[in-house]
């Protein structure tokens, strides 16, 4: 009886190891870039150029972090101020770039908080899996990428956590995908 109890405790410790080793996900907010998203720790932030298909170079920021399972999570925020006429094609251009990375497994128009988006999953040539989503709002293009090892699903706490913020830092959610009326 005592040995069975010790074995149960031992098994619990062995099985709880991977759970204990998982990365703590935390909300990250950049009010200047109008978004909040969950990351596995503090993201690295860098300014990068973003070139549209018309050749316009736009300012962008890339935020990236890695988790303990080998996943890499990135959000790229492109500011389309000064190129408003190109914002209408931004989602399509970003989706095209994601498709070019490997074998497309899923590709559909979705609605993140009732904002039109393009969600794509790609089997990468290195055996990894990429789940990407692109959406526009508030004069910006948001590109999310979850790049995970084989057989490790991208965690929902990254992709589903994106909130686009208004000038006051309040999350934007529209009544329906074809509306500009916001839910309060």
N, C-alpha and C. Protein backbone atom coordinates (compact mmCIF):
# COMPACT_ATOMS: atom_id res chain seq x y z
N UNK A 1 0.83 -1.19 0.00
CA UNK A 1 0.00 0.00 0.00
C UNK A 1 0.87 1.25 0.00
N UNK A 2 1.90 1.25 0.85
CA UNK A 2 2.79 2.40 0.93
C UNK A 2 3.57 2.59 -0.38
N UNK A 3 4.00 1.49 -1.01
CA UNK A 3 4.75 1.56 -2.26
C UNK A 3 3.85 2.13 -3.37
N UNK A 4 2.60 1.71 -3.37
CA UNK A 4 1.67 2.24 -4.39
C UNK A 4 1.50 3.74 -4.24
N UNK A 5 1.44 4.22 -3.02
CA UNK A 5 1.32 5.67 -2.78
C UNK A 5 2.55 6.41 -3.24
N UNK A 6 3.74 5.84 -2.97
CA UNK A 6 4.99 6.47 -3.41
C UNK A 6 5.09 6.47 -4.94
N UNK A 7 4.63 5.38 -5.56
CA UNK A 7 4.64 5.33 -7.02
C UNK A 7 3.72 6.39 -7.61
N UNK A 8 2.56 6.60 -7.00
CA UNK A 8 1.62 7.60 -7.49
C UNK A 8 2.23 9.00 -7.38
N UNK A 9 2.89 9.27 -6.24
CA UNK A 9 3.55 10.57 -6.07
C UNK A 9 4.66 10.74 -7.09
N UNK A 10 5.44 9.68 -7.31
CA UNK A 10 6.53 9.72 -8.30
C UNK A 10 6.01 9.99 -9.69
N UNK A 11 4.94 9.31 -10.08
CA UNK A 11 4.35 9.53 -11.40
C UNK A 11 3.83 10.97 -11.53
N UNK A 12 3.23 11.48 -10.47
CA UNK A 12 2.73 12.85 -10.52
C UNK A 12 3.87 13.84 -10.73
N UNK A 13 4.99 13.60 -10.07
CA UNK A 13 6.15 14.48 -10.24
C UNK A 13 6.72 14.39 -11.65
N UNK A 14 6.80 13.17 -12.17
CA UNK A 14 7.33 12.98 -13.52
C UNK A 14 6.43 13.65 -14.55
N UNK A 15 5.14 13.47 -14.41
CA UNK A 15 4.20 14.04 -15.38
C UNK A 15 4.03 15.55 -15.22
N UNK A 16 4.28 16.08 -14.03
CA UNK A 16 4.11 17.52 -13.84
C UNK A 16 5.32 18.30 -14.32
N UNK A 17 6.43 17.64 -14.58
CA UNK A 17 7.64 18.32 -15.05
C UNK A 17 7.42 19.15 -16.28
N UNK A 18 6.85 18.58 -17.35
CA UNK A 18 6.63 19.38 -18.55
C UNK A 18 5.68 20.56 -18.33
N UNK A 19 4.68 20.38 -17.46
CA UNK A 19 3.75 21.46 -17.18
C UNK A 19 4.49 22.58 -16.45
N UNK A 20 5.32 22.23 -15.49
CA UNK A 20 6.07 23.21 -14.73
C UNK A 20 7.05 23.97 -15.62
N UNK A 21 7.60 23.30 -16.62
CA UNK A 21 8.61 23.91 -17.48
C UNK A 21 8.02 24.84 -18.54
N UNK A 22 6.70 24.85 -18.68
CA UNK A 22 6.10 25.68 -19.71
C UNK A 22 6.32 27.16 -19.41
N UNK A 23 6.41 27.93 -20.45
CA UNK A 23 6.65 29.37 -20.34
C UNK A 23 5.41 30.08 -19.83
N UNK A 24 5.62 31.10 -19.01
CA UNK A 24 4.51 31.94 -18.57
C UNK A 24 4.21 32.96 -19.65
N UNK A 25 2.98 32.98 -20.09
CA UNK A 25 2.55 33.93 -21.11
C UNK A 25 2.03 35.17 -20.41
N UNK A 26 2.38 36.34 -20.95
CA UNK A 26 1.95 37.59 -20.35
C UNK A 26 1.45 38.54 -21.43
N UNK A 27 0.54 39.40 -21.04
CA UNK A 27 0.01 40.39 -21.96
C UNK A 27 1.06 41.47 -22.20
N UNK A 28 1.25 41.81 -23.46
CA UNK A 28 2.17 42.87 -23.85
C UNK A 28 1.37 43.93 -24.59
N UNK A 29 1.57 45.19 -24.24
CA UNK A 29 0.83 46.27 -24.87
C UNK A 29 1.78 47.32 -25.41
N UNK A 30 1.51 47.79 -26.62
CA UNK A 30 2.21 48.94 -27.18
C UNK A 30 1.12 49.90 -27.64
N UNK A 31 0.83 50.88 -26.80
CA UNK A 31 -0.26 51.83 -27.11
C UNK A 31 0.08 52.71 -28.30
N UNK A 32 1.35 53.00 -28.49
CA UNK A 32 1.75 53.82 -29.63
C UNK A 32 1.44 53.11 -30.95
N UNK A 33 1.60 51.79 -30.97
CA UNK A 33 1.30 51.00 -32.17
C UNK A 33 -0.11 50.42 -32.15
N UNK A 34 -0.89 50.73 -31.13
CA UNK A 34 -2.31 50.39 -31.05
C UNK A 34 -2.61 48.90 -30.96
N UNK A 35 -1.90 48.15 -30.11
CA UNK A 35 -2.24 46.74 -29.96
C UNK A 35 -1.83 46.21 -28.59
N UNK A 36 -2.43 45.09 -28.26
CA UNK A 36 -2.02 44.27 -27.12
C UNK A 36 -2.11 42.82 -27.55
N UNK A 37 -1.18 41.99 -27.09
CA UNK A 37 -1.15 40.58 -27.46
C UNK A 37 -0.40 39.82 -26.35
N UNK A 38 -0.67 38.55 -26.21
CA UNK A 38 0.05 37.72 -25.24
C UNK A 38 1.33 37.18 -25.86
N UNK A 39 2.41 37.22 -25.09
CA UNK A 39 3.71 36.69 -25.51
C UNK A 39 4.26 35.78 -24.42
N UNK A 40 5.12 34.83 -24.81
CA UNK A 40 5.79 33.99 -23.80
C UNK A 40 7.00 34.74 -23.24
N UNK A 41 6.74 35.77 -22.47
CA UNK A 41 7.82 36.59 -21.92
C UNK A 41 7.92 37.91 -22.66
N UNK A 42 8.85 38.73 -22.24
CA UNK A 42 9.05 40.06 -22.83
C UNK A 42 9.58 39.91 -24.26
N UNK A 43 8.89 40.51 -25.24
CA UNK A 43 9.36 40.37 -26.63
C UNK A 43 10.55 41.29 -26.94
N UNK A 44 11.34 40.84 -27.89
CA UNK A 44 12.40 41.68 -28.47
C UNK A 44 11.69 42.58 -29.48
N UNK A 45 12.03 43.87 -29.48
CA UNK A 45 11.38 44.83 -30.37
C UNK A 45 12.44 45.46 -31.25
N UNK A 46 12.16 45.48 -32.56
CA UNK A 46 13.08 46.14 -33.47
C UNK A 46 12.32 46.87 -34.57
N UNK A 47 12.86 48.00 -34.98
CA UNK A 47 12.29 48.75 -36.11
C UNK A 47 12.82 48.12 -37.38
N UNK A 48 11.90 47.91 -38.33
CA UNK A 48 12.29 47.29 -39.61
C UNK A 48 11.60 48.03 -40.75
N UNK A 49 12.17 47.97 -41.95
CA UNK A 49 11.47 48.54 -43.11
C UNK A 49 10.49 47.49 -43.64
N UNK A 50 9.40 47.94 -44.19
CA UNK A 50 8.42 47.04 -44.81
C UNK A 50 8.14 47.60 -46.20
N UNK A 51 8.32 46.78 -47.21
CA UNK A 51 8.13 47.22 -48.59
C UNK A 51 6.84 46.64 -49.14
N UNK A 52 5.98 47.51 -49.67
CA UNK A 52 4.75 47.06 -50.30
C UNK A 52 5.06 46.55 -51.71
N UNK A 53 4.08 45.91 -52.35
CA UNK A 53 4.28 45.43 -53.71
C UNK A 53 4.51 46.58 -54.69
N UNK A 54 4.01 47.77 -54.37
CA UNK A 54 4.25 48.94 -55.23
C UNK A 54 5.64 49.52 -55.02
N UNK A 55 6.38 48.97 -54.02
CA UNK A 55 7.73 49.44 -53.77
C UNK A 55 7.83 50.53 -52.71
N UNK A 56 6.73 50.87 -52.08
CA UNK A 56 6.75 51.89 -51.04
C UNK A 56 7.38 51.30 -49.77
N UNK A 57 8.33 51.99 -49.21
CA UNK A 57 8.97 51.55 -47.96
C UNK A 57 8.25 52.22 -46.79
N UNK A 58 7.72 51.41 -45.89
CA UNK A 58 6.96 51.91 -44.75
C UNK A 58 7.64 51.53 -43.44
N UNK A 59 7.46 52.36 -42.41
CA UNK A 59 8.04 52.02 -41.11
C UNK A 59 7.25 50.89 -40.45
N UNK A 60 7.97 49.97 -39.84
CA UNK A 60 7.33 48.85 -39.17
C UNK A 60 8.12 48.49 -37.92
N UNK A 61 7.46 47.78 -37.03
CA UNK A 61 8.11 47.24 -35.84
C UNK A 61 7.81 45.76 -35.77
N UNK A 62 8.84 44.99 -35.42
CA UNK A 62 8.68 43.55 -35.23
C UNK A 62 8.89 43.24 -33.75
N UNK A 63 7.95 42.50 -33.18
CA UNK A 63 8.00 42.08 -31.78
C UNK A 63 8.08 40.56 -31.80
N UNK A 64 9.07 39.98 -31.14
CA UNK A 64 9.19 38.52 -31.18
C UNK A 64 9.66 37.96 -29.85
N UNK A 65 9.20 36.74 -29.56
CA UNK A 65 9.58 36.03 -28.34
C UNK A 65 9.52 34.54 -28.61
N UNK A 66 10.27 33.77 -27.83
CA UNK A 66 10.30 32.31 -27.96
C UNK A 66 9.78 31.68 -26.68
N UNK A 67 9.19 30.50 -26.81
CA UNK A 67 8.74 29.78 -25.62
C UNK A 67 9.63 28.57 -25.36
N UNK A 68 9.39 27.89 -24.26
CA UNK A 68 10.22 26.76 -23.85
C UNK A 68 10.07 25.55 -24.77
N UNK A 69 9.00 25.49 -25.55
CA UNK A 69 8.77 24.36 -26.45
C UNK A 69 9.44 24.55 -27.81
N UNK A 70 10.10 25.68 -28.03
CA UNK A 70 10.75 25.93 -29.30
C UNK A 70 9.92 26.74 -30.27
N UNK A 71 8.79 27.27 -29.81
CA UNK A 71 7.96 28.10 -30.66
C UNK A 71 8.49 29.52 -30.73
N UNK A 72 8.31 30.15 -31.88
CA UNK A 72 8.72 31.53 -32.09
C UNK A 72 7.48 32.33 -32.49
N UNK A 73 7.23 33.41 -31.78
CA UNK A 73 6.00 34.18 -31.94
C UNK A 73 6.34 35.62 -32.28
N UNK A 74 5.76 36.12 -33.36
CA UNK A 74 6.10 37.45 -33.87
C UNK A 74 4.84 38.19 -34.27
N UNK A 75 4.83 39.48 -34.00
CA UNK A 75 3.83 40.36 -34.58
C UNK A 75 4.59 41.50 -35.23
N UNK A 76 4.24 41.77 -36.47
CA UNK A 76 4.81 42.88 -37.22
C UNK A 76 3.70 43.91 -37.40
N UNK A 77 3.99 45.14 -37.04
CA UNK A 77 3.02 46.23 -37.16
C UNK A 77 3.57 47.24 -38.16
N UNK A 78 2.84 47.41 -39.25
CA UNK A 78 3.27 48.31 -40.32
C UNK A 78 2.36 49.54 -40.31
N UNK A 79 2.96 50.71 -40.24
CA UNK A 79 2.21 51.96 -40.23
C UNK A 79 2.04 52.45 -41.68
N UNK A 80 0.79 52.51 -42.12
CA UNK A 80 0.49 52.92 -43.50
C UNK A 80 0.21 54.41 -43.64
N UNK A 81 0.56 55.21 -42.63
CA UNK A 81 0.39 56.66 -42.76
C UNK A 81 1.24 57.12 -43.94
N UNK A 82 0.64 57.90 -44.82
CA UNK A 82 1.35 58.35 -46.02
C UNK A 82 1.18 57.40 -47.19
N UNK A 83 0.61 56.23 -46.96
CA UNK A 83 0.35 55.27 -48.04
C UNK A 83 -1.05 54.69 -47.86
N UNK A 84 -1.97 55.55 -47.43
CA UNK A 84 -3.35 55.12 -47.18
C UNK A 84 -3.98 54.44 -48.39
N UNK A 85 -3.60 54.85 -49.59
CA UNK A 85 -4.15 54.28 -50.81
C UNK A 85 -3.74 52.82 -51.00
N UNK A 86 -2.73 52.36 -50.28
CA UNK A 86 -2.26 50.98 -50.40
C UNK A 86 -2.77 50.07 -49.27
N UNK A 87 -3.43 50.65 -48.28
CA UNK A 87 -3.92 49.87 -47.14
C UNK A 87 -4.94 48.82 -47.56
N UNK A 88 -5.72 49.12 -48.60
CA UNK A 88 -6.74 48.18 -49.09
C UNK A 88 -6.17 46.87 -49.61
N UNK A 89 -4.92 46.87 -50.05
CA UNK A 89 -4.30 45.64 -50.57
C UNK A 89 -3.31 45.02 -49.58
N UNK A 90 -3.17 45.63 -48.42
CA UNK A 90 -2.16 45.19 -47.45
C UNK A 90 -2.36 43.75 -46.97
N UNK A 91 -3.58 43.37 -46.66
CA UNK A 91 -3.84 42.01 -46.18
C UNK A 91 -3.48 41.00 -47.26
N UNK A 92 -3.91 41.25 -48.48
CA UNK A 92 -3.61 40.34 -49.59
C UNK A 92 -2.12 40.20 -49.84
N UNK A 93 -1.38 41.31 -49.78
CA UNK A 93 0.06 41.26 -49.98
C UNK A 93 0.75 40.48 -48.87
N UNK A 94 0.33 40.71 -47.63
CA UNK A 94 0.92 39.98 -46.50
C UNK A 94 0.61 38.49 -46.61
N UNK A 95 -0.62 38.16 -47.00
CA UNK A 95 -1.00 36.75 -47.15
C UNK A 95 -0.18 36.07 -48.24
N UNK A 96 0.05 36.77 -49.33
CA UNK A 96 0.86 36.23 -50.43
C UNK A 96 2.27 35.90 -49.94
N UNK A 97 2.85 36.79 -49.14
CA UNK A 97 4.20 36.55 -48.59
C UNK A 97 4.22 35.34 -47.66
N UNK A 98 3.16 35.15 -46.88
CA UNK A 98 3.10 33.99 -45.97
C UNK A 98 2.95 32.69 -46.76
N UNK A 99 2.12 32.71 -47.79
CA UNK A 99 1.92 31.51 -48.63
C UNK A 99 3.23 31.07 -49.28
N UNK A 100 4.09 32.01 -49.63
CA UNK A 100 5.34 31.70 -50.32
C UNK A 100 6.36 30.99 -49.43
N UNK A 101 6.08 30.89 -48.14
CA UNK A 101 7.04 30.30 -47.20
C UNK A 101 7.03 28.78 -47.17
N UNK A 102 6.01 28.14 -47.74
CA UNK A 102 5.95 26.68 -47.72
C UNK A 102 4.65 26.16 -48.31
N UNK A 103 4.28 24.96 -47.88
CA UNK A 103 3.07 24.30 -48.39
C UNK A 103 1.85 24.75 -47.58
N UNK A 104 0.93 25.43 -48.25
CA UNK A 104 -0.25 25.97 -47.59
C UNK A 104 -1.19 24.83 -47.20
N UNK A 105 -1.58 24.81 -45.92
CA UNK A 105 -2.51 23.80 -45.41
C UNK A 105 -3.89 24.37 -45.15
N UNK A 106 -3.94 25.67 -44.87
CA UNK A 106 -5.22 26.35 -44.61
C UNK A 106 -5.06 27.79 -45.06
N UNK A 107 -6.09 28.33 -45.70
CA UNK A 107 -6.04 29.70 -46.20
C UNK A 107 -7.47 30.19 -46.32
N UNK A 108 -7.87 31.10 -45.44
CA UNK A 108 -9.26 31.56 -45.48
C UNK A 108 -9.39 32.96 -44.90
N UNK A 109 -10.44 33.64 -45.35
CA UNK A 109 -10.80 34.92 -44.77
C UNK A 109 -11.46 34.63 -43.42
N UNK A 110 -11.01 35.32 -42.41
CA UNK A 110 -11.55 35.16 -41.05
C UNK A 110 -11.95 36.53 -40.54
N UNK A 111 -12.34 36.58 -39.28
CA UNK A 111 -12.72 37.85 -38.67
C UNK A 111 -12.24 37.86 -37.23
N UNK A 112 -11.17 38.59 -36.98
CA UNK A 112 -10.62 38.76 -35.63
C UNK A 112 -11.31 39.98 -35.02
N UNK A 113 -12.14 39.76 -33.99
CA UNK A 113 -12.93 40.84 -33.39
C UNK A 113 -13.76 41.59 -34.43
N UNK A 114 -14.24 40.82 -35.38
CA UNK A 114 -15.04 41.31 -36.50
C UNK A 114 -14.27 42.27 -37.41
N UNK A 115 -12.95 42.13 -37.39
CA UNK A 115 -12.11 42.82 -38.36
C UNK A 115 -11.71 41.78 -39.38
N UNK A 116 -11.91 42.08 -40.65
CA UNK A 116 -11.55 41.12 -41.70
C UNK A 116 -10.07 40.80 -41.60
N UNK A 117 -9.76 39.50 -41.69
CA UNK A 117 -8.37 39.06 -41.65
C UNK A 117 -8.19 37.88 -42.59
N UNK A 118 -6.95 37.55 -42.86
CA UNK A 118 -6.61 36.38 -43.66
C UNK A 118 -5.78 35.46 -42.76
N UNK A 119 -6.25 34.25 -42.55
CA UNK A 119 -5.54 33.28 -41.71
C UNK A 119 -4.98 32.18 -42.59
N UNK A 120 -3.71 31.90 -42.40
CA UNK A 120 -3.01 30.92 -43.24
C UNK A 120 -2.17 30.02 -42.36
N UNK A 121 -2.20 28.72 -42.64
CA UNK A 121 -1.26 27.80 -41.99
C UNK A 121 -0.40 27.18 -43.07
N UNK A 122 0.88 27.06 -42.76
CA UNK A 122 1.86 26.62 -43.75
C UNK A 122 2.79 25.58 -43.14
N UNK A 123 3.00 24.47 -43.86
CA UNK A 123 4.04 23.51 -43.49
C UNK A 123 5.34 24.04 -44.08
N UNK A 124 6.28 24.37 -43.23
CA UNK A 124 7.54 24.96 -43.68
C UNK A 124 8.51 23.89 -44.16
N UNK A 125 9.41 24.23 -45.05
CA UNK A 125 10.37 23.24 -45.58
C UNK A 125 11.25 22.60 -44.50
N UNK A 126 11.47 23.29 -43.38
CA UNK A 126 12.31 22.74 -42.31
C UNK A 126 11.54 21.83 -41.35
N UNK A 127 10.28 21.50 -41.68
CA UNK A 127 9.48 20.60 -40.85
C UNK A 127 8.66 21.32 -39.79
N UNK A 128 8.85 22.61 -39.64
CA UNK A 128 8.09 23.37 -38.67
C UNK A 128 6.74 23.78 -39.27
N UNK A 129 5.89 24.35 -38.44
CA UNK A 129 4.55 24.73 -38.84
C UNK A 129 4.35 26.21 -38.56
N UNK A 130 3.79 26.94 -39.51
CA UNK A 130 3.56 28.36 -39.36
C UNK A 130 2.07 28.65 -39.41
N UNK A 131 1.59 29.34 -38.40
CA UNK A 131 0.22 29.84 -38.40
C UNK A 131 0.32 31.36 -38.45
N UNK A 132 -0.22 31.96 -39.49
CA UNK A 132 -0.11 33.41 -39.68
C UNK A 132 -1.49 34.02 -39.87
N UNK A 133 -1.59 35.27 -39.47
CA UNK A 133 -2.83 36.01 -39.69
C UNK A 133 -2.47 37.46 -39.96
N UNK A 134 -3.16 38.07 -40.92
CA UNK A 134 -2.94 39.47 -41.25
C UNK A 134 -4.28 40.20 -41.18
N UNK A 135 -4.27 41.37 -40.57
CA UNK A 135 -5.46 42.20 -40.53
C UNK A 135 -5.05 43.66 -40.50
N UNK A 136 -5.98 44.53 -40.88
CA UNK A 136 -5.71 45.96 -40.86
C UNK A 136 -6.76 46.67 -40.03
N UNK A 137 -6.31 47.70 -39.36
CA UNK A 137 -7.21 48.60 -38.67
C UNK A 137 -6.36 49.74 -38.13
N UNK A 138 -6.99 50.87 -37.93
CA UNK A 138 -6.33 52.03 -37.34
C UNK A 138 -5.11 52.47 -38.14
N UNK A 139 -5.19 52.30 -39.48
CA UNK A 139 -4.11 52.72 -40.36
C UNK A 139 -2.87 51.85 -40.30
N UNK A 140 -3.03 50.63 -39.78
CA UNK A 140 -1.90 49.73 -39.63
C UNK A 140 -2.23 48.33 -40.14
N UNK A 141 -1.18 47.66 -40.58
CA UNK A 141 -1.25 46.24 -40.93
C UNK A 141 -0.62 45.48 -39.78
N UNK A 142 -1.33 44.48 -39.27
CA UNK A 142 -0.83 43.62 -38.20
C UNK A 142 -0.63 42.23 -38.78
N UNK A 143 0.57 41.70 -38.66
CA UNK A 143 0.87 40.35 -39.14
C UNK A 143 1.33 39.52 -37.95
N UNK A 144 0.56 38.50 -37.60
CA UNK A 144 0.95 37.59 -36.51
C UNK A 144 1.52 36.32 -37.11
N UNK A 145 2.60 35.82 -36.53
CA UNK A 145 3.20 34.56 -36.97
C UNK A 145 3.56 33.72 -35.76
N UNK A 146 3.05 32.49 -35.73
CA UNK A 146 3.43 31.51 -34.72
C UNK A 146 4.13 30.38 -35.46
N UNK A 147 5.43 30.25 -35.26
CA UNK A 147 6.28 29.26 -35.92
C UNK A 147 6.65 28.21 -34.88
N UNK A 148 6.07 27.01 -35.03
CA UNK A 148 6.25 25.99 -34.00
C UNK A 148 6.90 24.72 -34.54
N UNK A 149 7.54 23.96 -33.63
CA UNK A 149 8.13 22.68 -34.04
C UNK A 149 7.04 21.69 -34.46
N UNK A 150 7.43 20.60 -35.14
CA UNK A 150 6.45 19.59 -35.53
C UNK A 150 5.67 19.06 -34.33
N UNK A 151 4.40 18.84 -34.53
CA UNK A 151 3.50 18.26 -33.54
C UNK A 151 3.29 19.12 -32.31
N UNK A 152 3.64 20.39 -32.38
CA UNK A 152 3.37 21.33 -31.29
C UNK A 152 2.43 22.39 -31.84
N UNK A 153 1.17 22.36 -31.43
CA UNK A 153 0.22 23.33 -31.98
C UNK A 153 0.53 24.74 -31.49
N UNK A 154 0.31 25.73 -32.35
CA UNK A 154 0.48 27.11 -31.90
C UNK A 154 -0.51 27.40 -30.77
N UNK A 155 -0.05 27.97 -29.67
CA UNK A 155 -0.97 28.21 -28.56
C UNK A 155 -1.98 29.31 -28.88
N UNK A 156 -3.21 29.05 -28.49
CA UNK A 156 -4.28 30.01 -28.75
C UNK A 156 -4.04 31.33 -28.01
N UNK A 157 -3.27 31.28 -26.92
CA UNK A 157 -3.07 32.51 -26.16
C UNK A 157 -2.27 33.55 -26.94
N UNK A 158 -1.68 33.18 -28.08
CA UNK A 158 -1.01 34.18 -28.92
C UNK A 158 -1.98 34.75 -29.94
N UNK A 159 -2.41 33.94 -30.86
CA UNK A 159 -3.21 34.43 -31.98
C UNK A 159 -4.54 35.03 -31.52
N UNK A 160 -5.24 34.34 -30.65
CA UNK A 160 -6.56 34.81 -30.24
C UNK A 160 -6.48 36.02 -29.30
N UNK A 161 -5.29 36.32 -28.78
CA UNK A 161 -5.18 37.40 -27.81
C UNK A 161 -5.03 38.78 -28.44
N UNK A 162 -4.78 38.87 -29.73
CA UNK A 162 -4.57 40.18 -30.34
C UNK A 162 -5.78 41.08 -30.17
N UNK A 163 -5.53 42.26 -29.68
CA UNK A 163 -6.55 43.29 -29.58
C UNK A 163 -5.98 44.56 -30.21
N UNK A 164 -6.67 45.11 -31.19
CA UNK A 164 -6.29 46.40 -31.75
C UNK A 164 -6.91 47.46 -30.86
N UNK A 165 -6.12 48.48 -30.53
CA UNK A 165 -6.57 49.51 -29.59
C UNK A 165 -6.85 50.83 -30.31
N UNK A 166 -7.80 51.57 -29.77
CA UNK A 166 -8.05 52.91 -30.31
C UNK A 166 -7.07 53.90 -29.67
N UNK A 167 -7.21 55.18 -29.97
CA UNK A 167 -6.28 56.19 -29.45
C UNK A 167 -6.29 56.29 -27.93
N UNK A 168 -7.37 55.83 -27.30
CA UNK A 168 -7.47 55.87 -25.84
C UNK A 168 -7.02 54.57 -25.17
N UNK A 169 -6.54 53.61 -25.97
CA UNK A 169 -6.08 52.34 -25.41
C UNK A 169 -7.19 51.34 -25.16
N UNK A 170 -8.36 51.57 -25.74
CA UNK A 170 -9.51 50.68 -25.58
C UNK A 170 -9.55 49.71 -26.76
N UNK A 171 -9.76 48.43 -26.45
CA UNK A 171 -9.82 47.40 -27.50
C UNK A 171 -10.99 47.67 -28.45
N UNK A 172 -10.71 47.54 -29.74
CA UNK A 172 -11.71 47.76 -30.77
C UNK A 172 -12.35 46.42 -31.15
N UNK A 173 -13.67 46.39 -31.16
CA UNK A 173 -14.43 45.24 -31.65
C UNK A 173 -15.65 45.81 -32.36
N UNK A 174 -15.85 45.39 -33.60
CA UNK A 174 -16.96 45.89 -34.38
C UNK A 174 -18.17 45.00 -34.22
N UNK A 175 -19.36 45.58 -34.45
CA UNK A 175 -20.60 44.81 -34.31
C UNK A 175 -20.65 43.64 -35.27
N UNK A 176 -20.18 43.85 -36.49
CA UNK A 176 -20.11 42.77 -37.47
C UNK A 176 -18.99 43.11 -38.46
N UNK A 177 -18.57 42.15 -39.27
CA UNK A 177 -17.44 42.36 -40.18
C UNK A 177 -17.61 43.49 -41.19
N UNK A 178 -18.83 43.86 -41.50
CA UNK A 178 -19.07 44.90 -42.51
C UNK A 178 -19.43 46.24 -41.89
N UNK A 179 -19.23 46.39 -40.60
CA UNK A 179 -19.65 47.59 -39.90
C UNK A 179 -18.44 48.37 -39.41
N UNK A 180 -18.64 49.67 -39.27
CA UNK A 180 -17.64 50.50 -38.59
C UNK A 180 -18.14 50.86 -37.19
N UNK A 181 -19.35 50.36 -36.85
CA UNK A 181 -19.91 50.62 -35.53
C UNK A 181 -19.28 49.65 -34.54
N UNK A 182 -18.77 50.21 -33.46
CA UNK A 182 -18.04 49.41 -32.48
C UNK A 182 -18.95 48.90 -31.36
N UNK A 183 -18.60 47.76 -30.81
CA UNK A 183 -19.27 47.21 -29.62
C UNK A 183 -18.64 47.89 -28.42
N UNK A 184 -19.42 48.32 -27.53
CA UNK A 184 -18.89 48.97 -26.31
C UNK A 184 -18.85 48.01 -25.16
